[in-house]
Structures are given as C-alpha cells and as structure tokens.
N, C-alpha and C. Protein backbone atom coordinates (compact mmCIF):
# COMPACT_ATOMS: atom_id res chain seq x y z
N MET A 1 -52.58 -1.26 104.29
CA MET A 1 -53.59 -0.30 104.68
C MET A 1 -53.54 -0.13 106.19
N LYS A 2 -53.76 1.07 106.64
CA LYS A 2 -53.77 1.36 108.07
C LYS A 2 -54.90 0.59 108.75
N GLN A 3 -54.58 -0.03 109.87
CA GLN A 3 -55.58 -0.78 110.63
C GLN A 3 -56.26 0.14 111.63
N HIS A 4 -57.58 0.20 111.58
CA HIS A 4 -58.34 0.96 112.56
C HIS A 4 -58.75 0.01 113.68
N ARG A 5 -58.69 0.49 114.88
CA ARG A 5 -58.90 -0.34 116.06
C ARG A 5 -60.22 -1.10 116.06
N ASN A 6 -61.31 -0.46 115.72
CA ASN A 6 -62.63 -1.09 115.84
C ASN A 6 -63.25 -1.46 114.49
N VAL A 7 -62.42 -1.59 113.46
CA VAL A 7 -62.93 -1.88 112.13
C VAL A 7 -62.44 -3.27 111.73
N THR A 8 -63.37 -4.09 111.27
CA THR A 8 -63.01 -5.45 110.84
C THR A 8 -62.36 -5.42 109.46
N ALA A 9 -61.69 -6.49 109.11
CA ALA A 9 -61.07 -6.61 107.79
C ALA A 9 -62.15 -6.50 106.71
N ARG A 10 -63.31 -7.04 106.97
CA ARG A 10 -64.41 -6.97 106.00
C ARG A 10 -64.86 -5.53 105.80
N GLN A 11 -64.98 -4.78 106.90
CA GLN A 11 -65.38 -3.38 106.80
C GLN A 11 -64.33 -2.58 106.03
N GLU A 12 -63.06 -2.85 106.28
CA GLU A 12 -62.00 -2.15 105.55
C GLU A 12 -62.07 -2.47 104.07
N ALA A 13 -62.31 -3.75 103.74
CA ALA A 13 -62.42 -4.15 102.34
C ALA A 13 -63.60 -3.46 101.66
N LEU A 14 -64.71 -3.35 102.37
CA LEU A 14 -65.88 -2.66 101.81
C LEU A 14 -65.60 -1.18 101.60
N SER A 15 -64.90 -0.56 102.54
CA SER A 15 -64.54 0.86 102.39
C SER A 15 -63.62 1.06 101.20
N GLU A 16 -62.66 0.17 101.04
CA GLU A 16 -61.74 0.26 99.91
C GLU A 16 -62.50 0.09 98.59
N ARG A 17 -63.38 -0.89 98.55
CA ARG A 17 -64.18 -1.12 97.34
C ARG A 17 -65.03 0.10 97.02
N SER A 18 -65.62 0.72 98.03
CA SER A 18 -66.43 1.92 97.84
C SER A 18 -65.60 3.07 97.26
N LEU A 19 -64.38 3.21 97.76
CA LEU A 19 -63.48 4.24 97.24
C LEU A 19 -63.20 4.00 95.76
N PHE A 20 -62.84 2.78 95.40
CA PHE A 20 -62.54 2.48 94.01
C PHE A 20 -63.77 2.65 93.12
N ALA A 21 -64.93 2.30 93.63
CA ALA A 21 -66.18 2.51 92.88
C ALA A 21 -66.42 4.00 92.66
N ALA A 22 -66.11 4.81 93.66
CA ALA A 22 -66.27 6.27 93.51
C ALA A 22 -65.34 6.80 92.42
N VAL A 23 -64.12 6.30 92.37
CA VAL A 23 -63.17 6.73 91.33
C VAL A 23 -63.73 6.39 89.95
N LEU A 24 -64.34 5.24 89.84
CA LEU A 24 -64.89 4.83 88.54
C LEU A 24 -66.06 5.69 88.07
N THR A 25 -66.67 6.45 88.96
CA THR A 25 -67.78 7.33 88.55
C THR A 25 -67.28 8.61 87.90
N LEU A 26 -66.02 8.93 88.07
CA LEU A 26 -65.48 10.19 87.54
C LEU A 26 -65.37 10.12 86.03
N LYS A 27 -65.78 11.20 85.36
CA LYS A 27 -65.90 11.16 83.92
C LYS A 27 -64.90 12.03 83.16
N SER A 28 -64.06 12.77 83.86
CA SER A 28 -63.10 13.61 83.17
C SER A 28 -61.87 13.82 84.05
N VAL A 29 -60.82 14.30 83.42
CA VAL A 29 -59.60 14.63 84.17
C VAL A 29 -59.92 15.71 85.20
N ASP A 30 -60.73 16.68 84.84
CA ASP A 30 -61.07 17.74 85.79
C ASP A 30 -61.82 17.20 87.00
N GLU A 31 -62.76 16.27 86.76
CA GLU A 31 -63.47 15.65 87.89
C GLU A 31 -62.51 14.85 88.76
N ALA A 32 -61.63 14.11 88.13
CA ALA A 32 -60.65 13.31 88.89
C ALA A 32 -59.73 14.21 89.69
N ARG A 33 -59.28 15.31 89.07
CA ARG A 33 -58.41 16.25 89.77
C ARG A 33 -59.10 16.80 91.01
N ALA A 34 -60.35 17.22 90.86
CA ALA A 34 -61.10 17.77 92.00
C ALA A 34 -61.27 16.73 93.10
N PHE A 35 -61.61 15.49 92.70
CA PHE A 35 -61.81 14.42 93.67
C PHE A 35 -60.52 14.14 94.45
N PHE A 36 -59.42 13.96 93.72
CA PHE A 36 -58.16 13.62 94.40
C PHE A 36 -57.61 14.79 95.21
N ARG A 37 -57.85 16.01 94.77
CA ARG A 37 -57.42 17.15 95.58
C ARG A 37 -58.22 17.26 96.87
N ASP A 38 -59.49 16.84 96.84
CA ASP A 38 -60.28 16.80 98.06
C ASP A 38 -59.86 15.62 98.95
N LEU A 39 -59.57 14.50 98.33
CA LEU A 39 -59.27 13.27 99.07
C LEU A 39 -57.88 13.25 99.69
N CYS A 40 -56.90 13.77 98.98
CA CYS A 40 -55.49 13.62 99.37
C CYS A 40 -54.88 14.93 99.85
N THR A 41 -53.86 14.78 100.68
CA THR A 41 -53.06 15.96 101.02
C THR A 41 -52.20 16.29 99.80
N PRO A 42 -51.70 17.52 99.72
CA PRO A 42 -50.80 17.84 98.60
C PRO A 42 -49.60 16.89 98.52
N ALA A 43 -49.06 16.49 99.65
CA ALA A 43 -47.91 15.58 99.65
C ALA A 43 -48.29 14.20 99.12
N GLU A 44 -49.48 13.71 99.50
CA GLU A 44 -49.93 12.41 99.00
C GLU A 44 -50.14 12.46 97.49
N LEU A 45 -50.75 13.52 97.03
CA LEU A 45 -51.00 13.67 95.60
C LEU A 45 -49.68 13.76 94.83
N GLN A 46 -48.72 14.51 95.36
CA GLN A 46 -47.42 14.63 94.72
C GLN A 46 -46.70 13.29 94.67
N ALA A 47 -46.79 12.51 95.76
CA ALA A 47 -46.15 11.20 95.80
C ALA A 47 -46.73 10.28 94.72
N MET A 48 -48.06 10.31 94.58
CA MET A 48 -48.69 9.47 93.55
C MET A 48 -48.31 9.95 92.14
N ALA A 49 -48.30 11.27 91.93
CA ALA A 49 -47.92 11.81 90.63
C ALA A 49 -46.47 11.46 90.30
N ASP A 50 -45.60 11.51 91.30
CA ASP A 50 -44.19 11.14 91.10
C ASP A 50 -44.07 9.69 90.66
N ARG A 51 -44.77 8.79 91.36
CA ARG A 51 -44.72 7.37 91.00
C ARG A 51 -45.22 7.14 89.58
N TRP A 52 -46.33 7.81 89.25
CA TRP A 52 -46.89 7.63 87.92
C TRP A 52 -45.93 8.16 86.85
N ALA A 53 -45.25 9.26 87.13
CA ALA A 53 -44.30 9.84 86.16
C ALA A 53 -43.16 8.88 85.85
N VAL A 54 -42.81 8.06 86.80
CA VAL A 54 -41.69 7.13 86.66
C VAL A 54 -42.05 5.94 85.76
N VAL A 55 -43.31 5.54 85.73
CA VAL A 55 -43.73 4.34 85.00
C VAL A 55 -43.29 4.38 83.54
N GLU A 56 -43.58 5.47 82.87
CA GLU A 56 -43.25 5.59 81.44
C GLU A 56 -41.76 5.39 81.19
N TRP A 57 -40.96 6.03 82.02
CA TRP A 57 -39.50 5.95 81.83
C TRP A 57 -38.97 4.54 82.10
N LEU A 58 -39.52 3.88 83.11
CA LEU A 58 -39.11 2.50 83.39
C LEU A 58 -39.50 1.58 82.23
N GLN A 59 -40.68 1.80 81.69
CA GLN A 59 -41.12 0.96 80.57
C GLN A 59 -40.26 1.18 79.34
N LYS A 60 -39.64 2.35 79.24
CA LYS A 60 -38.72 2.62 78.13
C LYS A 60 -37.32 2.07 78.40
N GLY A 61 -37.11 1.55 79.61
CA GLY A 61 -35.83 0.94 79.94
C GLY A 61 -34.74 1.88 80.40
N LEU A 62 -35.09 3.09 80.78
CA LEU A 62 -34.07 4.03 81.26
C LEU A 62 -33.51 3.58 82.61
N PRO A 63 -32.23 3.82 82.83
CA PRO A 63 -31.63 3.51 84.14
C PRO A 63 -32.21 4.42 85.23
N TYR A 64 -32.22 3.91 86.45
CA TYR A 64 -32.78 4.66 87.58
C TYR A 64 -32.18 6.05 87.71
N ARG A 65 -30.88 6.15 87.59
CA ARG A 65 -30.21 7.46 87.76
C ARG A 65 -30.66 8.45 86.70
N GLU A 66 -30.88 7.97 85.48
CA GLU A 66 -31.36 8.85 84.41
C GLU A 66 -32.79 9.30 84.69
N ILE A 67 -33.62 8.36 85.17
CA ILE A 67 -35.00 8.72 85.52
C ILE A 67 -34.99 9.75 86.64
N HIS A 68 -34.12 9.57 87.61
CA HIS A 68 -33.98 10.55 88.71
C HIS A 68 -33.60 11.92 88.15
N ARG A 69 -32.64 11.94 87.22
CA ARG A 69 -32.20 13.21 86.63
C ARG A 69 -33.35 13.90 85.90
N ILE A 70 -34.15 13.14 85.19
CA ILE A 70 -35.25 13.70 84.40
C ILE A 70 -36.41 14.16 85.28
N THR A 71 -36.77 13.34 86.27
CA THR A 71 -38.00 13.58 87.04
C THR A 71 -37.78 14.20 88.40
N GLY A 72 -36.58 14.03 88.97
CA GLY A 72 -36.33 14.48 90.33
C GLY A 72 -36.84 13.51 91.39
N VAL A 73 -37.44 12.39 90.96
CA VAL A 73 -37.96 11.39 91.89
C VAL A 73 -36.78 10.60 92.46
N SER A 74 -36.86 10.27 93.74
CA SER A 74 -35.76 9.57 94.38
C SER A 74 -35.55 8.19 93.77
N VAL A 75 -34.31 7.74 93.82
CA VAL A 75 -33.97 6.41 93.31
C VAL A 75 -34.72 5.33 94.10
N THR A 76 -34.94 5.56 95.39
CA THR A 76 -35.71 4.62 96.20
C THR A 76 -37.13 4.47 95.68
N THR A 77 -37.78 5.58 95.37
CA THR A 77 -39.14 5.54 94.84
C THR A 77 -39.15 4.88 93.46
N ILE A 78 -38.16 5.18 92.66
CA ILE A 78 -38.07 4.57 91.33
C ILE A 78 -37.96 3.05 91.47
N GLY A 79 -37.15 2.60 92.43
CA GLY A 79 -37.01 1.16 92.68
C GLY A 79 -38.31 0.54 93.13
N ARG A 80 -39.05 1.25 93.95
CA ARG A 80 -40.35 0.75 94.42
C ARG A 80 -41.32 0.59 93.25
N VAL A 81 -41.37 1.58 92.38
CA VAL A 81 -42.25 1.50 91.21
C VAL A 81 -41.81 0.35 90.30
N ALA A 82 -40.51 0.20 90.14
CA ALA A 82 -39.99 -0.89 89.30
C ALA A 82 -40.40 -2.25 89.86
N ARG A 83 -40.34 -2.41 91.18
CA ARG A 83 -40.76 -3.67 91.80
C ARG A 83 -42.25 -3.92 91.56
N CYS A 84 -43.05 -2.86 91.66
CA CYS A 84 -44.49 -3.01 91.40
C CYS A 84 -44.76 -3.36 89.95
N LEU A 85 -44.00 -2.77 89.04
CA LEU A 85 -44.16 -3.11 87.62
C LEU A 85 -43.83 -4.58 87.38
N ALA A 86 -42.80 -5.07 88.05
CA ALA A 86 -42.35 -6.44 87.85
C ALA A 86 -43.19 -7.46 88.61
N ASP A 87 -43.53 -7.15 89.86
CA ASP A 87 -44.15 -8.14 90.74
C ASP A 87 -45.41 -7.65 91.43
N GLY A 88 -45.99 -6.56 90.97
CA GLY A 88 -47.15 -5.99 91.64
C GLY A 88 -48.44 -6.64 91.18
N ASN A 89 -49.50 -5.87 91.21
CA ASN A 89 -50.84 -6.37 90.88
C ASN A 89 -51.24 -6.12 89.42
N GLY A 90 -50.35 -5.50 88.66
CA GLY A 90 -50.64 -5.25 87.25
C GLY A 90 -51.35 -3.95 86.97
N GLY A 91 -51.61 -3.17 88.00
CA GLY A 91 -52.34 -1.92 87.82
C GLY A 91 -51.62 -0.89 86.98
N TYR A 92 -50.32 -0.76 87.22
CA TYR A 92 -49.56 0.21 86.41
C TYR A 92 -49.63 -0.16 84.93
N GLN A 93 -49.44 -1.44 84.61
CA GLN A 93 -49.45 -1.86 83.21
C GLN A 93 -50.80 -1.61 82.55
N VAL A 94 -51.88 -1.94 83.24
CA VAL A 94 -53.22 -1.74 82.68
C VAL A 94 -53.45 -0.26 82.39
N ALA A 95 -53.19 0.59 83.37
CA ALA A 95 -53.43 2.03 83.20
C ALA A 95 -52.53 2.62 82.12
N ALA A 96 -51.26 2.21 82.10
CA ALA A 96 -50.32 2.76 81.11
C ALA A 96 -50.71 2.34 79.70
N SER A 97 -51.09 1.08 79.51
CA SER A 97 -51.45 0.64 78.17
C SER A 97 -52.75 1.32 77.71
N ARG A 98 -53.68 1.50 78.60
CA ARG A 98 -54.93 2.17 78.22
C ARG A 98 -54.69 3.66 77.94
N GLN A 99 -53.82 4.26 78.71
CA GLN A 99 -53.51 5.67 78.47
C GLN A 99 -52.82 5.85 77.13
N GLN A 100 -51.94 4.93 76.77
CA GLN A 100 -51.25 5.00 75.48
C GLN A 100 -52.24 4.89 74.32
N ARG A 101 -53.24 4.04 74.47
CA ARG A 101 -54.25 3.87 73.41
C ARG A 101 -55.08 5.11 73.23
N HIS A 102 -55.28 5.89 74.30
CA HIS A 102 -56.12 7.08 74.23
C HIS A 102 -55.34 8.36 73.98
N ALA A 103 -54.03 8.22 73.85
CA ALA A 103 -53.18 9.42 73.65
C ALA A 103 -53.19 9.88 72.22
C-alpha cells in the first residue's frame, strides 16, 4: 500500500478496513459496478478485471500462453495471479468457490 507521509500504519489499516466494510455493504452487481467505477480509474478497474478473468483458467490448469491467447492478459500478470493463488492470502479461492456455488 502507498505510504502517506503523515499517516500512521494504524490509520492506514483503519482506512483499509473501512474500504472493505464499504464493499460489504453493496447488495448487487450494479451497486458494485457503480462503486468501483467511482473508486477506480478505468485502467485500475481493467487491471483488476484482467486478473480476475485469469483465475478461472488457472484453476482449470491451462498453460500461461493459452490463457494469454484466450484473455489477452500478459504472461507476467498471469504469473502474478498464479503466485497469489498458490501463496497469497486465499482471497481468490474464497471468491471463486463462492461464485461457482452461486452460478
């Protein structure tokens, strides 16, 4: 996370927690879309959408080059997502498994 000059680590943690709590208040895809479009630049939103698009293909075991061919996402980004799936915080797995149950 970007360090702000006059903000303590505790203040940053509280701000992050507040952001995540705000996300949890959203009740529909349309609400989430509006929130993230207000919060993020188009490039930031596209980067997150690209990473999320890669998760499904990695979980299916497709090679990076094939995922790149299908999605257009760079092999570097695909590798980053793969590292997070393997050694990250578990967020991708939780969201993907819950999304599969609701599909």
